[in-house]
Amino acid sequence: MSASCGVVECVLVLGCARWLWKRCSYVGSYDSATWPAATPDEFDSVPRLCRLILAIYEPDLRKPINYSPAQGPEPEWVIKRVSHQDTLGQAPPYLVYVDHRHKEIVLGVRGLNLAKESDYKVLLDNRLGQQMFDGGYVHRGLLKSAVWLLNRESETLKRLWVENGCQYDMVFAGHSLGSGVVSLLTILVVNRRESLGGIPKEKIRCYAIAPARCMSLNLAVKYANVIHSVVLQDDFLPRTPTPLEDIFKSIFCLPCLLFLVCLRDTFIPEGRKLRDPRRLYAPGRMYHIVERKFCRCGRFPPEVRTAIPVDGRFEHIVLSCNATSDHGIIWIEREAEKALQLMKEKSSETVTDPPTVQKFERLKTIEKEHKDALERAVSLNVPHAVDSAEKEASEDNEDEATGSESKNVSSTQSNSSGGKSNWDEVVEKLLKKKETEDLNVERDTDVTQ
């Protein structure tokens, strides 16, 4: 009897030791080990947008502290810079900027301010899973903040787009808390493009820097052709499935929380995670900046890997002393700039085809990756992924058919509504859309039976 107990104890000790070794030796670079490298063209905007977000923190844009004045945004092109006092606690501070050099209209939103109670209220307002939104689930507080921001600034964005000949791209960028706001804001804009003057979908882009997990997996994959998430090595926020309010309640004991979450998630099967429709994820296509390797000290020349992952989408907490520092916007900007310069140097040495041909082929590859990711979500039985895949194909066809009529629809609606768009109505339609579809499915089922 004692011998059998000793064997059981040895097995338990070995099992615990194996788990401890696997968890402690896991590094952030493993998450993207099989992903292909990003190209300079698709990553070119990231360092520039990081500096634009940093400009929200600056007291004087003509004498910036966190970036070089030569690389930063032009003060004359800043349309407005809104502080916490001006947002009345409804949204983080933000900046509206027209980049004439790159032909972009940019709305940038900063991250969490630990000294502002209003930012915590946005995080704590999360009734997860009580009502569906556009066929999935999202963070309620971040959605409300996105709606408030659009109700306030959509007319400004529309005016700027029209004034610049309807040729500029519309870019939304945010860091941390702001990344969740702009990601959900982008979903609203894509579903109501006529409210911004009939802007084509291909001119809308979103960059979520150090993204918060703010939407369910089917939405994260569905909008991967518009939303781009940027993650630096071991950043804890994109990997933590714990609700945001629990994270920031425990901000002063964050290592303890991360360890407990890591322990819990180790024993949850991958299939169970995928089948949970209320589990939130980082949005869109992922760009992972890798700069550290296992059992090697110091930072290495950073490289950027990209993919639209479905299973294994940054699901593993990294027990690293850099898990919180990698979340900082300053570090992300520095490493993104280094990675971009290295990509450009490598590209200039190896490119043999004309740049236009190379760019065209990459765009085709990105489109195929998105379709493959949608099909992968369906094959893994991700909740509501079938609807997303079908709608994605139909929406592309509708965009081509209705693109020439968008401006007429926009002008008619603006005249009937007094020139302003009510984005709360857009949210109501997206909330009710899934309920209507479910009723139709139930009715068809009853008829067939």
Protein backbone atom coordinates (compact mmCIF):
# COMPACT_ATOMS: atom_id res chain seq x y z
CA MET A 1 0.00 0.00 0.00
CA SER A 2 2.78 2.39 0.95
CA ALA A 3 4.63 1.53 -2.26
CA SER A 4 1.59 2.40 -4.41
CA CYS A 5 1.16 5.70 -2.54
CA GLY A 6 4.80 6.49 -3.19
CA VAL A 7 4.32 5.86 -6.93
CA VAL A 8 1.27 8.17 -7.01
CA GLU A 9 3.21 10.88 -5.19
CA CYS A 10 6.09 10.58 -7.65
CA VAL A 11 3.72 10.83 -10.61
CA LEU A 12 2.09 13.94 -9.12
CA VAL A 13 5.46 15.55 -8.44
CA LEU A 14 6.67 14.80 -11.97
CA GLY A 15 3.42 16.10 -13.44
CA CYS A 16 3.62 19.35 -11.46
CA ALA A 17 7.30 19.76 -12.36
CA ARG A 18 6.53 19.23 -16.05
CA TRP A 19 3.70 21.80 -15.93
CA LEU A 20 5.90 24.30 -14.06
CA TRP A 21 8.70 23.89 -16.59
CA LYS A 22 6.38 24.34 -19.56
CA ARG A 23 4.75 27.45 -18.09
CA CYS A 24 7.95 29.11 -16.89
CA SER A 25 9.85 28.35 -20.10
CA TYR A 26 7.06 29.61 -22.38
CA VAL A 27 8.07 32.81 -24.17
CA GLY A 28 5.99 35.21 -26.22
CA SER A 29 7.72 34.34 -29.49
CA TYR A 30 6.14 30.86 -29.43
CA ASP A 31 2.70 32.38 -30.15
CA SER A 32 3.74 33.44 -33.66
CA ALA A 33 6.47 30.88 -34.39
CA THR A 34 4.69 29.59 -37.52
CA TRP A 35 3.52 32.97 -38.85
CA PRO A 36 5.06 34.55 -41.97
CA ALA A 37 6.97 37.81 -41.79
CA ALA A 38 5.18 41.10 -42.39
CA THR A 39 6.18 43.40 -45.24
CA PRO A 40 7.29 47.05 -44.92
CA ASP A 41 4.25 48.29 -46.86
CA GLU A 42 1.67 46.85 -44.49
CA PHE A 43 3.60 47.78 -41.31
CA ASP A 44 4.69 51.24 -42.41
CA SER A 45 1.88 53.08 -40.59
CA VAL A 46 2.44 51.53 -37.15
CA PRO A 47 5.39 53.61 -35.79
CA ARG A 48 3.85 56.79 -37.21
CA LEU A 49 0.49 56.11 -35.54
CA CYS A 50 2.23 55.28 -32.24
CA ARG A 51 3.81 58.74 -32.31
CA LEU A 52 0.42 60.26 -33.08
CA ILE A 53 -1.03 58.59 -29.96
CA LEU A 54 1.96 59.81 -27.95
CA ALA A 55 1.14 63.34 -29.13
CA ILE A 56 -2.06 63.18 -27.04
CA TYR A 57 0.14 62.99 -23.93
CA GLU A 58 2.36 65.93 -24.92
CA PRO A 59 1.85 69.32 -23.23
CA ASP A 60 3.40 71.12 -26.23
CA LEU A 61 3.34 69.53 -29.69
CA ARG A 62 6.09 71.87 -30.92
CA LYS A 63 8.47 70.59 -28.22
CA PRO A 64 7.61 66.90 -27.82
CA ILE A 65 9.25 64.83 -25.11
CA ASN A 66 8.42 61.27 -26.16
CA TYR A 67 9.45 61.36 -29.83
CA SER A 68 11.61 63.30 -32.28
CA PRO A 69 9.93 66.46 -33.65
CA ALA A 70 11.10 65.53 -37.15
CA GLN A 71 9.26 62.19 -37.01
CA GLY A 72 6.18 63.30 -35.11
CA PRO A 73 2.91 64.79 -36.36
CA GLU A 74 2.86 68.33 -37.75
CA PRO A 75 1.22 70.67 -35.19
CA GLU A 76 -0.45 72.64 -38.01
CA TRP A 77 -2.30 69.51 -39.19
CA VAL A 78 -3.90 68.81 -35.80
CA ILE A 79 -7.61 69.60 -36.12
CA LYS A 80 -8.45 69.14 -32.45
CA ARG A 81 -6.99 67.65 -29.29
CA VAL A 82 -9.54 66.72 -26.62
CA SER A 83 -8.70 66.25 -22.93
CA HIS A 84 -10.41 64.33 -20.11
CA GLN A 85 -12.29 67.46 -19.09
CA ASP A 86 -13.75 67.83 -22.59
CA THR A 87 -14.85 64.19 -22.89
CA LEU A 88 -16.77 64.41 -19.59
CA GLY A 89 -15.54 60.94 -18.70
CA GLN A 90 -17.36 59.33 -21.64
CA ALA A 91 -14.19 58.42 -23.55
CA PRO A 92 -10.39 58.65 -23.18
CA PRO A 93 -8.66 61.78 -24.56
CA TYR A 94 -8.26 61.76 -28.33
CA LEU A 95 -6.86 63.67 -31.27
CA VAL A 96 -8.13 64.36 -34.82
CA TYR A 97 -5.35 64.78 -37.35
CA VAL A 98 -5.11 65.21 -41.12
CA ASP A 99 -1.89 63.73 -42.50
CA HIS A 100 -1.52 65.39 -45.90
CA ARG A 101 1.80 63.66 -46.48
CA HIS A 102 0.29 60.17 -46.35
CA LYS A 103 -3.27 61.22 -47.29
CA GLU A 104 -4.88 60.02 -44.08
CA ILE A 105 -7.53 61.37 -41.71
CA VAL A 106 -6.64 59.94 -38.31
CA LEU A 107 -8.61 59.66 -35.07
CA GLY A 108 -6.20 58.63 -32.30
CA VAL A 109 -7.29 57.58 -28.77
CA ARG A 110 -4.92 57.26 -25.83
CA GLY A 111 -4.79 54.48 -23.25
CA LEU A 112 -5.88 54.15 -19.63
CA ASN A 113 -5.06 56.94 -17.19
CA LEU A 114 -4.57 55.32 -13.78
CA ALA A 115 -5.44 58.60 -12.04
CA LYS A 116 -8.82 59.08 -13.77
CA GLU A 117 -11.89 57.44 -12.27
CA SER A 118 -13.83 57.90 -15.51
CA ASP A 119 -11.55 55.46 -17.36
CA TYR A 120 -12.26 52.80 -14.74
CA LYS A 121 -16.00 53.37 -15.17
CA VAL A 122 -15.66 52.55 -18.86
CA LEU A 123 -13.89 49.29 -17.98
CA LEU A 124 -16.33 48.31 -15.23
CA ASP A 125 -19.38 48.75 -17.47
CA ASN A 126 -19.29 45.29 -19.01
CA ARG A 127 -22.40 43.14 -18.92
CA LEU A 128 -20.71 40.36 -20.80
CA GLY A 129 -22.91 38.12 -22.90
CA GLN A 130 -26.31 39.63 -22.07
CA GLN A 131 -27.05 40.81 -25.61
CA MET A 132 -25.51 40.05 -28.99
CA PHE A 133 -23.99 42.72 -31.20
CA ASP A 134 -23.54 42.17 -34.96
CA GLY A 135 -23.70 38.42 -34.46
CA GLY A 136 -21.18 38.34 -31.60
CA TYR A 137 -20.36 39.77 -28.18
CA VAL A 138 -18.40 42.91 -27.28
CA HIS A 139 -17.35 44.86 -24.21
CA ARG A 140 -20.33 47.05 -23.27
CA GLY A 141 -18.40 49.99 -21.78
CA LEU A 142 -16.03 50.26 -24.73
CA LEU A 143 -18.98 50.12 -27.13
CA LYS A 144 -20.75 52.96 -25.33
CA SER A 145 -17.55 55.01 -25.43
CA ALA A 146 -17.20 54.36 -29.18
CA VAL A 147 -20.81 55.47 -29.78
CA TRP A 148 -20.28 58.67 -27.79
CA LEU A 149 -17.12 59.43 -29.75
CA LEU A 150 -18.85 58.95 -33.11
CA ASN A 151 -21.86 61.04 -32.08
CA ARG A 152 -19.44 63.84 -31.28
CA GLU A 153 -16.90 63.58 -34.11
CA SER A 154 -18.51 61.82 -37.09
CA GLU A 155 -19.55 65.13 -38.68
CA THR A 156 -15.98 66.43 -38.33
CA LEU A 157 -14.57 63.28 -39.93
CA LYS A 158 -17.12 63.45 -42.74
CA ARG A 159 -16.34 67.12 -43.40
CA LEU A 160 -12.60 66.46 -43.51
CA TRP A 161 -13.05 63.55 -45.92
CA VAL A 162 -15.22 65.61 -48.29
CA GLU A 163 -12.95 68.67 -48.09
CA ASN A 164 -9.99 66.54 -49.17
CA GLY A 165 -11.75 65.31 -52.29
CA CYS A 166 -12.94 61.98 -50.84
CA GLN A 167 -9.45 60.61 -51.59
CA TYR A 168 -7.95 60.27 -48.10
CA ASP A 169 -8.00 57.08 -46.02
CA MET A 170 -9.91 57.07 -42.73
CA VAL A 171 -7.65 55.66 -40.01
CA PHE A 172 -8.58 54.90 -36.40
CA ALA A 173 -5.77 54.19 -33.91
CA GLY A 174 -5.75 53.55 -30.19
CA HIS A 175 -3.58 52.15 -27.43
CA SER A 176 -4.72 49.83 -24.61
CA LEU A 177 -8.13 51.14 -23.48
CA GLY A 178 -8.25 53.30 -26.61
CA SER A 179 -7.60 50.25 -28.81
CA GLY A 180 -10.85 48.70 -27.66
CA VAL A 181 -12.73 51.94 -28.31
CA VAL A 182 -11.43 52.38 -31.87
CA SER A 183 -11.93 48.69 -32.70
CA LEU A 184 -15.64 48.81 -31.85
CA LEU A 185 -15.89 52.27 -33.42
CA THR A 186 -14.56 50.76 -36.66
CA ILE A 187 -17.27 48.08 -36.67
CA LEU A 188 -19.90 50.82 -36.41
CA VAL A 189 -18.34 52.87 -39.21
CA VAL A 190 -18.05 49.85 -41.53
CA ASN A 191 -21.75 49.12 -41.00
CA ARG A 192 -22.78 52.76 -41.60
CA ARG A 193 -20.29 54.13 -44.12
CA GLU A 194 -22.85 56.47 -45.68
CA SER A 195 -22.83 58.52 -42.45
CA LEU A 196 -19.22 59.46 -43.23
CA GLY A 197 -19.98 60.54 -46.78
CA GLY A 198 -20.17 57.11 -48.39
CA ILE A 199 -16.53 56.23 -47.73
CA PRO A 200 -15.52 52.89 -49.33
CA LYS A 201 -14.66 50.03 -47.00
CA GLU A 202 -11.17 49.68 -48.47
CA LYS A 203 -10.35 53.22 -47.27
CA ILE A 204 -11.15 52.39 -43.62
CA ARG A 205 -8.40 51.02 -41.40
CA CYS A 206 -8.00 50.51 -37.67
CA TYR A 207 -4.80 49.93 -35.69
CA ALA A 208 -5.22 48.56 -32.16
CA ILE A 209 -1.88 49.03 -30.37
CA ALA A 210 -1.45 46.67 -27.37
CA PRO A 211 -5.09 45.66 -27.89
CA ALA A 212 -7.65 44.90 -25.24
CA ARG A 213 -9.75 41.74 -25.64
CA CYS A 214 -12.98 43.46 -26.63
CA MET A 215 -14.92 41.19 -29.06
CA SER A 216 -15.86 37.55 -29.56
CA LEU A 217 -13.82 35.33 -31.86
CA ASN A 218 -16.22 35.40 -34.81
CA LEU A 219 -16.14 39.22 -34.89
CA ALA A 220 -12.35 39.29 -34.46
CA VAL A 221 -11.97 37.12 -37.56
CA LYS A 222 -14.77 38.77 -39.55
CA TYR A 223 -13.22 42.26 -39.34
CA ALA A 224 -9.61 41.13 -39.77
CA ASN A 225 -9.49 42.81 -43.18
CA VAL A 226 -10.07 46.19 -41.53
CA ILE A 227 -8.72 45.96 -37.96
CA HIS A 228 -5.01 45.36 -37.28
CA SER A 229 -3.70 44.56 -33.79
CA VAL A 230 -0.07 45.19 -32.85
CA VAL A 231 1.43 43.21 -29.95
CA LEU A 232 4.95 43.60 -28.53
CA GLN A 233 6.51 40.27 -27.45
CA ASP A 234 5.08 39.34 -23.98
CA ASP A 235 2.37 42.00 -23.56
CA PHE A 236 -0.13 40.72 -20.96
CA LEU A 237 -3.32 42.47 -22.10
CA PRO A 238 -4.00 40.65 -25.43
CA ARG A 239 -3.33 37.33 -23.67
CA THR A 240 -5.53 37.78 -20.61
CA PRO A 241 -9.08 36.43 -21.08
CA THR A 242 -10.02 37.71 -17.63
CA PRO A 243 -12.53 40.59 -17.97
CA LEU A 244 -10.87 43.99 -18.13
CA GLU A 245 -12.55 45.15 -14.96
CA ASP A 246 -10.94 42.30 -12.99
CA ILE A 247 -7.53 43.13 -14.46
CA PHE A 248 -7.59 46.76 -13.43
CA LYS A 249 -9.17 46.06 -10.05
CA SER A 250 -6.01 44.02 -9.43
CA ILE A 251 -3.62 46.44 -11.11
CA PHE A 252 -1.42 46.68 -8.02
CA CYS A 253 -1.24 42.91 -7.69
CA LEU A 254 -1.16 42.14 -11.39
CA PRO A 255 1.58 39.45 -11.24
CA CYS A 256 -0.54 37.44 -8.77
CA LEU A 257 -3.60 37.71 -11.01
CA LEU A 258 -1.65 36.71 -14.13
CA PHE A 259 -0.22 33.68 -12.35
CA LEU A 260 -3.69 32.53 -11.19
CA VAL A 261 -5.16 33.05 -14.67
CA CYS A 262 -2.23 31.15 -16.17
CA LEU A 263 -2.83 28.27 -13.75
CA ARG A 264 -6.57 28.17 -14.48
CA ASP A 265 -6.31 28.34 -18.28
CA THR A 266 -3.77 25.53 -18.37
CA PHE A 267 -6.54 23.08 -17.50
CA ILE A 268 -9.15 24.44 -19.96
CA PRO A 269 -9.20 22.46 -23.24
CA GLU A 270 -8.71 24.46 -26.44
CA GLY A 271 -12.02 23.23 -27.85
CA ARG A 272 -13.92 24.50 -24.83
CA LYS A 273 -12.39 27.96 -25.26
CA LEU A 274 -13.35 28.08 -28.93
CA ARG A 275 -16.94 27.02 -28.22
CA ASP A 276 -17.47 29.75 -25.62
CA PRO A 277 -19.34 32.52 -27.53
CA ARG A 278 -18.84 35.05 -24.73
CA ARG A 279 -15.08 34.72 -24.52
CA LEU A 280 -13.49 37.95 -25.74
CA TYR A 281 -10.38 38.20 -27.93
CA ALA A 282 -7.97 40.77 -29.32
CA PRO A 283 -9.44 42.04 -32.60
CA GLY A 284 -8.51 41.57 -36.25
CA ARG A 285 -5.26 40.62 -37.95
CA MET A 286 -2.32 40.27 -35.55
CA TYR A 287 1.14 41.81 -35.94
CA HIS A 288 3.54 40.36 -33.39
CA ILE A 289 6.84 42.19 -32.73
CA VAL A 290 9.35 39.60 -31.51
CA GLU A 291 12.63 40.70 -29.96
CA ARG A 292 13.55 38.16 -27.24
CA LYS A 293 14.34 34.45 -27.35
CA PHE A 294 14.28 31.60 -24.86
CA CYS A 295 17.27 31.38 -22.49
CA ARG A 296 19.00 34.34 -24.16
CA CYS A 297 19.51 37.66 -22.41
CA GLY A 298 18.84 41.08 -23.88
CA ARG A 299 16.83 42.34 -26.82
CA PHE A 300 17.57 41.17 -30.35
CA PRO A 301 16.83 42.95 -33.65
CA PRO A 302 13.02 42.91 -33.73
CA GLU A 303 11.08 41.11 -36.40
CA VAL A 304 7.36 41.34 -37.17
CA ARG A 305 5.20 38.29 -37.87
CA THR A 306 1.60 38.49 -39.01
CA ALA A 307 -1.43 36.20 -39.36
CA ILE A 308 -5.16 35.94 -38.73
CA PRO A 309 -5.11 33.21 -36.07
CA VAL A 310 -8.29 31.43 -35.03
CA ASP A 311 -7.17 28.71 -32.62
CA GLY A 312 -4.23 29.59 -30.37
CA ARG A 313 -4.96 33.31 -30.65
CA PHE A 314 -2.62 34.60 -27.90
CA GLU A 315 -4.19 32.22 -25.38
CA HIS A 316 -1.12 31.64 -23.19
CA ILE A 317 -0.11 33.99 -20.39
CA VAL A 318 3.64 34.62 -20.45
CA LEU A 319 5.23 34.60 -17.00
CA SER A 320 7.79 37.26 -17.83
CA CYS A 321 9.20 40.31 -16.11
CA ASN A 322 8.48 42.18 -19.36
CA ALA A 323 4.77 41.30 -19.50
CA THR A 324 3.78 44.77 -18.26
CA SER A 325 6.62 46.86 -19.75
CA ASP A 326 5.85 45.47 -23.23
CA HIS A 327 2.43 47.10 -22.90
CA GLY A 328 3.89 50.62 -22.86
CA ILE A 329 3.27 52.73 -25.95
CA ILE A 330 6.78 54.22 -25.79
CA TRP A 331 8.46 50.81 -26.02
CA ILE A 332 6.10 49.71 -28.77
CA GLU A 333 6.91 52.81 -30.83
CA ARG A 334 10.67 52.31 -30.46
CA GLU A 335 10.66 48.62 -31.34
CA ALA A 336 8.17 49.09 -34.18
CA GLU A 337 10.40 51.77 -35.73
CA LYS A 338 13.47 49.50 -35.42
CA ALA A 339 11.59 46.59 -36.97
CA LEU A 340 10.34 48.75 -39.84
CA GLN A 341 13.83 50.01 -40.67
CA LEU A 342 15.20 46.45 -40.63
CA MET A 343 12.39 45.30 -42.95
CA LYS A 344 13.12 48.13 -45.37
CA GLU A 345 16.84 47.35 -45.40
CA LYS A 346 16.19 43.66 -45.98
CA SER A 347 13.60 44.40 -48.65
CA SER A 348 15.91 46.75 -50.56
CA GLU A 349 18.59 44.05 -50.67
CA THR A 350 16.41 41.16 -51.86
CA VAL A 351 13.62 42.68 -54.01
CA THR A 352 13.97 41.83 -57.71
CA ASP A 353 10.40 42.59 -58.91
CA PRO A 354 8.91 46.09 -59.30
CA PRO A 355 7.41 47.31 -55.99
CA THR A 356 3.91 47.67 -57.49
CA VAL A 357 3.84 44.01 -58.50
CA GLN A 358 5.07 42.93 -55.07
CA LYS A 359 2.44 45.07 -53.33
CA PHE A 360 -0.34 43.73 -55.55
CA GLU A 361 0.64 40.13 -54.82
CA ARG A 362 0.72 40.83 -51.08
CA LEU A 363 -2.80 42.32 -51.19
CA LYS A 364 -4.04 39.18 -52.90
CA THR A 365 -2.35 37.06 -50.23
CA ILE A 366 -3.98 39.09 -47.44
CA GLU A 367 -7.42 38.62 -49.01
CA LYS A 368 -6.87 34.87 -49.27
CA GLU A 369 -5.67 34.67 -45.65
CA HIS A 370 -8.87 36.38 -44.52
CA LYS A 371 -11.10 33.95 -46.43
CA ASP A 372 -9.07 31.00 -45.10
CA ALA A 373 -9.46 32.30 -41.53
CA LEU A 374 -13.24 32.57 -41.96
CA GLU A 375 -13.38 29.00 -43.26
CA ARG A 376 -11.13 27.85 -40.42
CA ALA A 377 -13.50 29.40 -37.88
CA VAL A 378 -16.40 27.51 -39.46
CA SER A 379 -14.49 24.21 -39.41
CA LEU A 380 -13.66 24.66 -35.71
CA ASN A 381 -17.34 25.24 -34.89
CA VAL A 382 -16.70 28.73 -33.53
CA PRO A 383 -20.14 30.04 -32.46
CA HIS A 384 -21.85 32.18 -35.15
CA ALA A 385 -18.83 31.91 -37.49
CA VAL A 386 -21.05 30.53 -40.30
CA ASP A 387 -23.07 33.74 -40.37
CA SER A 388 -19.87 35.79 -40.44
CA ALA A 389 -18.42 33.85 -43.38
CA GLU A 390 -21.62 34.11 -45.40
CA LYS A 391 -22.07 37.81 -44.67
CA GLU A 392 -18.46 38.60 -45.57
CA ALA A 393 -18.96 37.21 -49.07
CA SER A 394 -22.31 38.97 -49.56
CA GLU A 395 -21.02 42.29 -48.21
CA ASP A 396 -18.18 42.35 -50.74
CA ASN A 397 -20.70 41.96 -53.57
CA GLU A 398 -23.01 44.60 -52.10
CA ASP A 399 -20.14 47.10 -51.80
CA GLU A 400 -19.46 46.91 -55.54
CA ALA A 401 -23.17 47.22 -56.42
CA THR A 402 -23.98 50.12 -54.09
CA GLY A 403 -20.71 52.06 -54.11
CA SER A 404 -21.91 54.59 -56.69
CA GLU A 405 -25.14 55.23 -54.75
CA SER A 406 -23.58 55.85 -51.31
CA LYS A 407 -23.17 59.59 -51.70
CA ASN A 408 -26.80 60.07 -52.74
CA VAL A 409 -28.01 58.03 -49.77
CA SER A 410 -25.76 60.03 -47.45
CA SER A 411 -27.07 63.39 -48.65
CA THR A 412 -30.70 62.25 -48.37
CA GLN A 413 -30.25 60.97 -44.82
CA SER A 414 -28.35 64.05 -43.70
CA ASN A 415 -31.15 66.32 -44.94
CA SER A 416 -33.86 64.29 -43.24
CA SER A 417 -32.01 64.09 -39.92
CA GLY A 418 -30.85 67.67 -39.72
CA GLY A 419 -27.33 66.90 -40.94
CA LYS A 420 -26.32 64.64 -38.04
CA SER A 421 -26.09 60.86 -37.70
CA ASN A 422 -27.37 59.20 -34.56
CA TRP A 423 -24.99 56.32 -33.91
CA ASP A 424 -27.17 54.99 -31.09
CA GLU A 425 -29.63 53.96 -33.81
CA VAL A 426 -26.86 52.05 -35.60
CA VAL A 427 -26.12 50.14 -32.40
CA GLU A 428 -29.80 49.33 -31.93
CA LYS A 429 -30.00 47.94 -35.46
CA LEU A 430 -26.90 45.78 -34.93
CA LEU A 431 -28.29 44.56 -31.59
CA LYS A 432 -31.64 43.65 -33.13
CA LYS A 433 -30.16 42.17 -36.33
CA LYS A 434 -29.15 38.90 -34.70
CA GLU A 435 -32.43 38.61 -32.80
CA THR A 436 -34.36 38.90 -36.08
CA GLU A 437 -32.14 36.30 -37.75
CA ASP A 438 -32.61 33.88 -34.85
CA LEU A 439 -36.40 34.27 -35.09
CA ASN A 440 -36.26 33.58 -38.84
CA VAL A 441 -34.15 30.47 -38.24
CA GLU A 442 -36.60 29.19 -35.60
CA ARG A 443 -39.55 29.87 -37.95
CA ASP A 444 -37.88 27.98 -40.82
CA THR A 445 -37.14 25.08 -38.48
CA ASP A 446 -40.76 24.86 -37.37
CA VAL A 447 -41.94 24.87 -40.99
CA THR A 448 -39.61 22.06 -42.01
CA GLN A 449 -40.65 20.00 -39.01
